[in-house]
Amino acid sequence: MFSFRPGAASFLASILLLLMPFGLVACASDTAMRPLGCGASAVPCLTGTAVVALQTAKGEVRIQLDGRDAPLTAGNFVDLVRRGTYDGTVFHRVVRDPVPFVVQGGDPQSADGRIAPSQYGTGSFVDPATGEARFIPLELLRTGDKQPSYGEVITSPVEARKLRLTHLRGAVAMARSGDPNSASAQFYVALEALPQLDGRYAVFGRVVEGMDVIDSIQQGDRLLKAQVIKGGSLVKGEP
């Protein structure tokens, strides 16, 4: 947990930057001009839940995806898993000091041996059908709302406390650039409860097995294979 002491604000700002894949802002800016949400997006949405097994260099991790509270974000992840997007990728960013923070990976280009490690964290998923990068909007659902909001950062602590999915230890969420509509493929796992990220990044699942494996992952370790092992029904439009 963060304790807000002198200098903590600048520390938090620098930590938030760690979740932002560099080089996406210019490409992602067009997303704000497109329709948002399951009913308008070309990205499939998840109905119900799904369990995904991540085979890593340190062991297996299982995450449960929530298609009820984050249908578009979870659906995007399932679709990328089934495409093999995450196979062979690198956990390129691991932050444990001065406090436990996140393990981040999922950059598709990190699976390409021709790409220098210094470039890991700058890539997104490029749809082979269109040759264009895929971006999804920030998706947040508050208690009492029938549908998630899209593209809207929540900065009010009162509103953030209404969120259905929050950054508890083991939460799985999407990394993005400064544009709230710029998440693509990169994701992270929270090593501790991180309420300061609630409303800024989209949580879409949680680790249900193998959190000890997440705790042991070091920067540079690989995600060998990702596979949907339960559920995973995808639909175009509203679930």
C-alpha atoms as a PDB file:
ATOM      1  CA  MET A   1       0.000   0.000   0.000  1.00  0.00           C
ATOM      2  CA  PHE A   2       1.123   3.559  -0.629  1.00  0.00           C
ATOM      3  CA  SER A   3       1.393   5.970   2.259  1.00  0.00           C
ATOM      4  CA  PHE A   4       1.074   9.542   1.065  1.00  0.00           C
ATOM      5  CA  ARG A   5       3.988  11.354   2.636  1.00  0.00           C
ATOM      6  CA  PRO A   6       6.047  14.310   1.295  1.00  0.00           C
ATOM      7  CA  GLY A   7       7.079  13.466  -2.236  1.00  0.00           C
ATOM      8  CA  ALA A   8       4.462  10.698  -2.519  1.00  0.00           C
ATOM      9  CA  ALA A   9       2.516  12.549  -5.200  1.00  0.00           C
ATOM     10  CA  SER A  10       5.518  12.697  -7.521  1.00  0.00           C
ATOM     11  CA  PHE A  11       6.283   9.055  -6.744  1.00  0.00           C
ATOM     12  CA  LEU A  12       2.730   8.045  -7.622  1.00  0.00           C
ATOM     13  CA  ALA A  13       2.900  10.033 -10.856  1.00  0.00           C
ATOM     14  CA  SER A  14       6.053   8.201 -11.874  1.00  0.00           C
ATOM     15  CA  ILE A  15       4.503   4.850 -10.974  1.00  0.00           C
ATOM     16  CA  LEU A  16       1.413   5.607 -13.063  1.00  0.00           C
ATOM     17  CA  LEU A  17       3.689   6.196 -16.025  1.00  0.00           C
ATOM     18  CA  LEU A  18       4.976   2.652 -15.670  1.00  0.00           C
ATOM     19  CA  LEU A  19       1.570   1.363 -16.746  1.00  0.00           C
ATOM     20  CA  MET A  20       1.579   3.403 -19.905  1.00  0.00           C
ATOM     21  CA  PRO A  21       2.891   1.694 -23.054  1.00  0.00           C
ATOM     22  CA  PHE A  22       4.942   4.400 -24.734  1.00  0.00           C
ATOM     23  CA  GLY A  23       4.269   5.376 -28.326  1.00  0.00           C
ATOM     24  CA  LEU A  24       0.551   4.646 -28.363  1.00  0.00           C
ATOM     25  CA  VAL A  25      -0.959   8.081 -27.839  1.00  0.00           C
ATOM     26  CA  ALA A  26      -0.778   9.344 -31.415  1.00  0.00           C
ATOM     27  CA  CYS A  27      -2.188   6.128 -32.846  1.00  0.00           C
ATOM     28  CA  ALA A  28      -4.868   5.811 -30.202  1.00  0.00           C
ATOM     29  CA  SER A  29      -6.232   9.329 -30.548  1.00  0.00           C
ATOM     30  CA  ASP A  30      -8.488   8.252 -33.405  1.00  0.00           C
ATOM     31  CA  THR A  31     -10.290   5.840 -31.086  1.00  0.00           C
ATOM     32  CA  ALA A  32     -12.071   8.698 -29.356  1.00  0.00           C
ATOM     33  CA  MET A  33     -13.798   9.454 -32.662  1.00  0.00           C
ATOM     34  CA  ARG A  34     -15.212   5.925 -32.970  1.00  0.00           C
ATOM     35  CA  PRO A  35     -18.330   4.511 -31.276  1.00  0.00           C
ATOM     36  CA  LEU A  36     -17.550   2.988 -27.878  1.00  0.00           C
ATOM     37  CA  GLY A  37     -18.964  -0.001 -26.002  1.00  0.00           C
ATOM     38  CA  CYS A  38     -20.142  -3.499 -26.871  1.00  0.00           C
ATOM     39  CA  GLY A  39     -23.041  -2.418 -29.038  1.00  0.00           C
ATOM     40  CA  ALA A  40     -20.808  -0.284 -31.249  1.00  0.00           C
ATOM     41  CA  SER A  41     -17.413  -1.978 -31.123  1.00  0.00           C
ATOM     42  CA  ALA A  42     -16.048  -4.472 -33.611  1.00  0.00           C
ATOM     43  CA  VAL A  43     -14.253  -6.179 -30.716  1.00  0.00           C
ATOM     44  CA  PRO A  44     -16.173  -9.204 -29.396  1.00  0.00           C
ATOM     45  CA  CYS A  45     -17.535  -9.027 -25.855  1.00  0.00           C
ATOM     46  CA  LEU A  46     -17.424 -11.782 -23.253  1.00  0.00           C
ATOM     47  CA  THR A  47     -20.656 -13.288 -21.993  1.00  0.00           C
ATOM     48  CA  GLY A  48     -20.441 -14.464 -18.399  1.00  0.00           C
ATOM     49  CA  THR A  49     -17.006 -15.477 -17.171  1.00  0.00           C
ATOM     50  CA  ALA A  50     -13.939 -17.270 -18.487  1.00  0.00           C
ATOM     51  CA  VAL A  51     -10.844 -18.822 -16.953  1.00  0.00           C
ATOM     52  CA  VAL A  52      -7.508 -18.404 -18.711  1.00  0.00           C
ATOM     53  CA  ALA A  53      -4.393 -20.406 -17.849  1.00  0.00           C
ATOM     54  CA  LEU A  54      -1.077 -18.614 -18.277  1.00  0.00           C
ATOM     55  CA  GLN A  55       1.905 -20.915 -18.553  1.00  0.00           C
ATOM     56  CA  THR A  56       4.882 -18.871 -17.433  1.00  0.00           C
ATOM     57  CA  ALA A  57       8.559 -19.588 -16.955  1.00  0.00           C
ATOM     58  CA  LYS A  58       7.858 -19.796 -13.205  1.00  0.00           C
ATOM     59  CA  GLY A  59       4.703 -21.938 -13.306  1.00  0.00           C
ATOM     60  CA  GLU A  60       0.998 -21.719 -14.087  1.00  0.00           C
ATOM     61  CA  VAL A  61      -1.311 -18.828 -13.250  1.00  0.00           C
ATOM     62  CA  ARG A  62      -5.081 -18.964 -13.658  1.00  0.00           C
ATOM     63  CA  ILE A  63      -7.132 -15.827 -14.013  1.00  0.00           C
ATOM     64  CA  GLN A  64     -10.892 -15.471 -14.010  1.00  0.00           C
ATOM     65  CA  LEU A  65     -12.252 -12.895 -16.432  1.00  0.00           C
ATOM     66  CA  ASP A  66     -15.435 -10.978 -15.660  1.00  0.00           C
ATOM     67  CA  GLY A  67     -17.649 -10.508 -18.687  1.00  0.00           C
ATOM     68  CA  ARG A  68     -20.521  -9.253 -16.580  1.00  0.00           C
ATOM     69  CA  ASP A  69     -18.780  -6.136 -15.299  1.00  0.00           C
ATOM     70  CA  ALA A  70     -16.143  -5.665 -18.031  1.00  0.00           C
ATOM     71  CA  PRO A  71     -17.544  -7.399 -21.146  1.00  0.00           C
ATOM     72  CA  LEU A  72     -15.551  -5.496 -23.772  1.00  0.00           C
ATOM     73  CA  THR A  73     -12.208  -5.555 -21.962  1.00  0.00           C
ATOM     74  CA  ALA A  74     -12.545  -9.225 -21.015  1.00  0.00           C
ATOM     75  CA  GLY A  75     -13.738 -10.104 -24.522  1.00  0.00           C
ATOM     76  CA  ASN A  76     -10.736  -8.384 -26.065  1.00  0.00           C
ATOM     77  CA  PHE A  77      -8.438 -10.416 -23.815  1.00  0.00           C
ATOM     78  CA  VAL A  78     -10.127 -13.737 -24.654  1.00  0.00           C
ATOM     79  CA  ASP A  79      -9.925 -12.943 -28.363  1.00  0.00           C
ATOM     80  CA  LEU A  80      -6.204 -12.175 -28.098  1.00  0.00           C
ATOM     81  CA  VAL A  81      -5.579 -15.342 -26.087  1.00  0.00           C
ATOM     82  CA  ARG A  82      -7.274 -17.443 -28.769  1.00  0.00           C
ATOM     83  CA  ARG A  83      -5.230 -15.741 -31.465  1.00  0.00           C
ATOM     84  CA  GLY A  84      -2.010 -16.739 -29.661  1.00  0.00           C
ATOM     85  CA  THR A  85      -1.086 -13.079 -29.211  1.00  0.00           C
ATOM     86  CA  TYR A  86       0.403 -13.616 -25.761  1.00  0.00           C
ATOM     87  CA  ASP A  87       2.371 -16.791 -26.484  1.00  0.00           C
ATOM     88  CA  GLY A  88       6.090 -16.209 -26.010  1.00  0.00           C
ATOM     89  CA  THR A  89       5.716 -12.626 -24.785  1.00  0.00           C
ATOM     90  CA  VAL A  90       7.829 -11.130 -22.016  1.00  0.00           C
ATOM     91  CA  PHE A  91       6.922  -9.696 -18.635  1.00  0.00           C
ATOM     92  CA  HIS A  92       8.762  -6.513 -19.445  1.00  0.00           C
ATOM     93  CA  ARG A  93       7.966  -4.436 -16.367  1.00  0.00           C
ATOM     94  CA  VAL A  94       8.042  -5.653 -12.769  1.00  0.00           C
ATOM     95  CA  VAL A  95       7.832  -3.089  -9.968  1.00  0.00           C
ATOM     96  CA  ARG A  96       8.302  -4.261  -6.383  1.00  0.00           C
ATOM     97  CA  ASP A  97      10.471  -1.517  -4.898  1.00  0.00           C
ATOM     98  CA  PRO A  98      10.078   0.636  -2.923  1.00  0.00           C
ATOM     99  CA  VAL A  99       6.647  -1.007  -2.499  1.00  0.00           C
ATOM    100  CA  PRO A 100       4.955  -3.930  -4.296  1.00  0.00           C
ATOM    101  CA  PHE A 101       3.169  -2.578  -7.356  1.00  0.00           C
ATOM    102  CA  VAL A 102       2.620  -4.578 -10.575  1.00  0.00           C
ATOM    103  CA  VAL A 103       3.835  -7.293 -12.911  1.00  0.00           C
ATOM    104  CA  GLN A 104       3.178  -6.147 -16.485  1.00  0.00           C
ATOM    105  CA  GLY A 105       3.406  -7.960 -19.809  1.00  0.00           C
ATOM    106  CA  GLY A 106       1.483  -8.740 -22.968  1.00  0.00           C
ATOM    107  CA  ASP A 107       3.347  -6.606 -25.508  1.00  0.00           C
ATOM    108  CA  PRO A 108       2.931  -8.694 -28.698  1.00  0.00           C
ATOM    109  CA  GLN A 109       6.218  -7.493 -30.179  1.00  0.00           C
ATOM    110  CA  SER A 110       8.168  -8.870 -27.199  1.00  0.00           C
ATOM    111  CA  ALA A 111       7.642 -12.355 -28.687  1.00  0.00           C
ATOM    112  CA  ASP A 112       9.639 -11.309 -31.762  1.00  0.00           C
ATOM    113  CA  GLY A 113      13.324 -12.133 -31.342  1.00  0.00           C
ATOM    114  CA  ARG A 114      14.226  -9.348 -33.767  1.00  0.00           C
ATOM    115  CA  ILE A 115      12.880  -6.677 -31.411  1.00  0.00           C
ATOM    116  CA  ALA A 116      15.349  -5.188 -28.928  1.00  0.00           C
ATOM    117  CA  PRO A 117      14.332  -5.518 -25.250  1.00  0.00           C
ATOM    118  CA  SER A 118      14.562  -1.740 -24.980  1.00  0.00           C
ATOM    119  CA  GLN A 119      11.454  -1.574 -27.186  1.00  0.00           C
ATOM    120  CA  TYR A 120       9.356  -3.889 -25.036  1.00  0.00           C
ATOM    121  CA  GLY A 121       6.320  -2.056 -23.738  1.00  0.00           C
ATOM    122  CA  THR A 122       5.861   0.079 -26.846  1.00  0.00           C
ATOM    123  CA  GLY A 123       3.751  -2.339 -28.882  1.00  0.00           C
ATOM    124  CA  SER A 124       0.066  -3.050 -29.380  1.00  0.00           C
ATOM    125  CA  PHE A 125      -1.985  -5.746 -31.110  1.00  0.00           C
ATOM    126  CA  VAL A 126      -2.150  -5.244 -34.862  1.00  0.00           C
ATOM    127  CA  ASP A 127      -5.155  -6.920 -36.446  1.00  0.00           C
ATOM    128  CA  PRO A 128      -3.871  -8.992 -39.389  1.00  0.00           C
ATOM    129  CA  ALA A 129      -7.210  -8.577 -41.171  1.00  0.00           C
ATOM    130  CA  THR A 130      -6.894  -4.797 -41.325  1.00  0.00           C
ATOM    131  CA  GLY A 131      -3.213  -4.118 -40.674  1.00  0.00           C
ATOM    132  CA  GLU A 132      -4.292  -1.598 -38.037  1.00  0.00           C
ATOM    133  CA  ALA A 133      -3.610  -1.483 -34.316  1.00  0.00           C
ATOM    134  CA  ARG A 134      -6.597  -2.386 -32.155  1.00  0.00           C
ATOM    135  CA  PHE A 135      -7.437  -0.128 -29.225  1.00  0.00           C
ATOM    136  CA  ILE A 136     -10.278  -0.419 -26.745  1.00  0.00           C
ATOM    137  CA  PRO A 137     -11.779   2.270 -24.515  1.00  0.00           C
ATOM    138  CA  LEU A 138     -11.515   2.525 -20.759  1.00  0.00           C
ATOM    139  CA  GLU A 139     -14.427   0.444 -19.437  1.00  0.00           C
ATOM    140  CA  LEU A 140     -15.737   1.039 -15.893  1.00  0.00           C
ATOM    141  CA  LEU A 141     -18.943  -0.161 -14.248  1.00  0.00           C
ATOM    142  CA  ARG A 142     -20.310   1.437 -11.101  1.00  0.00           C
ATOM    143  CA  THR A 143     -22.751  -0.185  -8.703  1.00  0.00           C
ATOM    144  CA  GLY A 144     -26.272   0.818  -9.671  1.00  0.00           C
ATOM    145  CA  ASP A 145     -25.447   1.381 -13.342  1.00  0.00           C
ATOM    146  CA  LYS A 146     -26.897  -1.000 -15.912  1.00  0.00           C
ATOM    147  CA  GLN A 147     -24.053  -0.537 -18.394  1.00  0.00           C
ATOM    148  CA  PRO A 148     -20.359   0.360 -18.079  1.00  0.00           C
ATOM    149  CA  SER A 149     -19.157   3.835 -18.941  1.00  0.00           C
ATOM    150  CA  TYR A 150     -16.576   4.119 -21.706  1.00  0.00           C
ATOM    151  CA  GLY A 151     -13.683   6.497 -22.206  1.00  0.00           C
ATOM    152  CA  GLU A 152     -14.363   8.278 -18.914  1.00  0.00           C
ATOM    153  CA  VAL A 153     -11.619   8.483 -16.264  1.00  0.00           C
ATOM    154  CA  ILE A 154     -13.099   8.605 -12.760  1.00  0.00           C
ATOM    155  CA  THR A 155     -11.145  10.903 -10.471  1.00  0.00           C
ATOM    156  CA  SER A 156     -13.690  11.384  -7.686  1.00  0.00           C
ATOM    157  CA  PRO A 157     -12.907   9.113  -4.693  1.00  0.00           C
ATOM    158  CA  VAL A 158     -16.632   8.911  -3.975  1.00  0.00           C
ATOM    159  CA  GLU A 159     -17.385   7.644  -7.489  1.00  0.00           C
ATOM    160  CA  ALA A 160     -14.348   5.339  -7.503  1.00  0.00           C
ATOM    161  CA  ARG A 161     -15.683   3.589  -4.411  1.00  0.00           C
ATOM    162  CA  LYS A 162     -18.760   2.609  -6.445  1.00  0.00           C
ATOM    163  CA  LEU A 163     -16.728   0.617  -8.978  1.00  0.00           C
ATOM    164  CA  ARG A 164     -17.640  -3.033  -9.295  1.00  0.00           C
ATOM    165  CA  LEU A 165     -14.092  -4.114 -10.156  1.00  0.00           C
ATOM    166  CA  THR A 166     -11.239  -2.630  -8.161  1.00  0.00           C
ATOM    167  CA  HIS A 167      -7.495  -3.010  -7.776  1.00  0.00           C
ATOM    168  CA  LEU A 168      -7.319  -5.613  -5.042  1.00  0.00           C
ATOM    169  CA  ARG A 169      -4.224  -7.808  -4.795  1.00  0.00           C
ATOM    170  CA  GLY A 170      -4.318 -10.141  -7.808  1.00  0.00           C
ATOM    171  CA  ALA A 171      -6.503  -7.850  -9.926  1.00  0.00           C
ATOM    172  CA  VAL A 172      -5.795  -8.070 -13.670  1.00  0.00           C
ATOM    173  CA  ALA A 173      -6.154  -4.808 -15.590  1.00  0.00           C
ATOM    174  CA  MET A 174      -5.228  -3.207 -18.894  1.00  0.00           C
ATOM    175  CA  ALA A 175      -2.226  -0.931 -19.324  1.00  0.00           C
ATOM    176  CA  ARG A 176      -2.689   2.095 -21.546  1.00  0.00           C
ATOM    177  CA  SER A 177      -1.105   5.378 -22.591  1.00  0.00           C
ATOM    178  CA  GLY A 178      -2.346   8.786 -21.495  1.00  0.00           C
ATOM    179  CA  ASP A 179      -5.373   8.397 -23.773  1.00  0.00           C
ATOM    180  CA  PRO A 180      -8.126   6.529 -21.855  1.00  0.00           C
ATOM    181  CA  ASN A 181      -9.096   4.842 -25.132  1.00  0.00           C
ATOM    182  CA  SER A 182      -5.649   3.393 -25.857  1.00  0.00           C
ATOM    183  CA  ALA A 183      -5.588  -0.027 -24.148  1.00  0.00           C
ATOM    184  CA  SER A 184      -4.676  -2.764 -26.612  1.00  0.00           C
ATOM    185  CA  ALA A 185      -2.962  -5.959 -25.438  1.00  0.00           C
ATOM    186  CA  GLN A 186      -0.676  -5.094 -22.533  1.00  0.00           C
ATOM    187  CA  PHE A 187      -1.976  -6.018 -19.092  1.00  0.00           C
ATOM    188  CA  TYR A 188      -0.772  -6.075 -15.506  1.00  0.00           C
ATOM    189  CA  VAL A 189      -1.408  -7.876 -12.229  1.00  0.00           C
ATOM    190  CA  ALA A 190      -1.609  -5.875  -9.001  1.00  0.00           C
ATOM    191  CA  LEU A 191       0.851  -7.134  -6.395  1.00  0.00           C
ATOM    192  CA  GLU A 192      -1.030  -5.332  -3.617  1.00  0.00           C
ATOM    193  CA  ALA A 193      -4.297  -3.427  -3.310  1.00  0.00           C
ATOM    194  CA  LEU A 194      -3.861  -0.274  -5.399  1.00  0.00           C
ATOM    195  CA  PRO A 195      -6.951   1.900  -4.839  1.00  0.00           C
ATOM    196  CA  GLN A 196      -5.127   4.878  -6.340  1.00  0.00           C
ATOM    197  CA  LEU A 197      -5.501   3.222  -9.749  1.00  0.00           C
ATOM    198  CA  ASP A 198      -9.254   2.692  -9.451  1.00  0.00           C
ATOM    199  CA  GLY A 199     -11.127   4.698 -12.072  1.00  0.00           C
ATOM    200  CA  ARG A 200      -7.983   5.240 -14.137  1.00  0.00           C
ATOM    201  CA  TYR A 201      -7.370   1.733 -15.482  1.00  0.00           C
ATOM    202  CA  ALA A 202      -9.838  -1.016 -16.379  1.00  0.00           C
ATOM    203  CA  VAL A 203      -9.813  -4.098 -14.147  1.00  0.00           C
ATOM    204  CA  PHE A 204     -11.332  -7.074 -15.974  1.00  0.00           C
ATOM    205  CA  GLY A 205     -10.379 -10.117 -13.914  1.00  0.00           C
ATOM    206  CA  ARG A 206      -8.390 -11.550 -11.027  1.00  0.00           C
ATOM    207  CA  VAL A 207      -5.849 -14.248 -10.289  1.00  0.00           C
ATOM    208  CA  VAL A 208      -7.632 -17.254  -8.781  1.00  0.00           C
ATOM    209  CA  GLU A 209      -4.664 -19.650  -8.741  1.00  0.00           C
ATOM    210  CA  GLY A 210      -0.929 -19.075  -8.848  1.00  0.00           C
ATOM    211  CA  MET A 211      -0.507 -15.723  -7.136  1.00  0.00           C
ATOM    212  CA  ASP A 212       2.682 -17.169  -5.666  1.00  0.00           C
ATOM    213  CA  VAL A 213       3.883 -17.592  -9.253  1.00  0.00           C
ATOM    214  CA  ILE A 214       3.112 -13.943  -9.991  1.00  0.00           C
ATOM    215  CA  ASP A 215       5.086 -12.994  -6.878  1.00  0.00           C
ATOM    216  CA  SER A 216       8.101 -14.891  -8.217  1.00  0.00           C
ATOM    217  CA  ILE A 217       8.106 -13.471 -11.762  1.00  0.00           C
ATOM    218  CA  GLN A 218      11.104 -11.330 -12.617  1.00  0.00           C
ATOM    219  CA  GLN A 219      11.445  -8.774 -15.378  1.00  0.00           C
ATOM    220  CA  GLY A 220      12.397 -10.646 -18.547  1.00  0.00           C
ATOM    221  CA  ASP A 221      10.543 -13.872 -17.702  1.00  0.00           C
ATOM    222  CA  ARG A 222       8.297 -15.183 -20.458  1.00  0.00           C
ATOM    223  CA  LEU A 223       4.628 -15.970 -20.739  1.00  0.00           C
ATOM    224  CA  LEU A 224       5.027 -19.225 -22.655  1.00  0.00           C
ATOM    225  CA  LYS A 225       1.390 -19.874 -23.546  1.00  0.00           C
ATOM    226  CA  ALA A 226      -2.074 -18.538 -22.718  1.00  0.00           C
ATOM    227  CA  GLN A 227      -5.159 -20.723 -23.103  1.00  0.00           C
ATOM    228  CA  VAL A 228      -8.869 -20.388 -22.346  1.00  0.00           C
ATOM    229  CA  ILE A 229      -9.760 -23.437 -20.240  1.00  0.00           C
ATOM    230  CA  LYS A 230     -13.298 -22.578 -19.147  1.00  0.00           C
ATOM    231  CA  GLY A 231     -16.075 -20.410 -20.558  1.00  0.00           C
ATOM    232  CA  GLY A 232     -15.116 -17.761 -23.027  1.00  0.00           C
ATOM    233  CA  SER A 233     -18.307 -17.256 -25.019  1.00  0.00           C
ATOM    234  CA  LEU A 234     -17.826 -14.209 -27.225  1.00  0.00           C
ATOM    235  CA  VAL A 235     -20.523 -12.184 -28.964  1.00  0.00           C
ATOM    236  CA  LYS A 236     -20.591  -9.175 -31.240  1.00  0.00           C
ATOM    237  CA  GLY A 237     -22.713  -6.460 -29.708  1.00  0.00           C
ATOM    238  CA  GLU A 238     -24.257  -6.396 -26.239  1.00  0.00           C
ATOM    239  CA  PRO A 239     -23.802  -9.648 -24.240  1.00  0.00           C
END
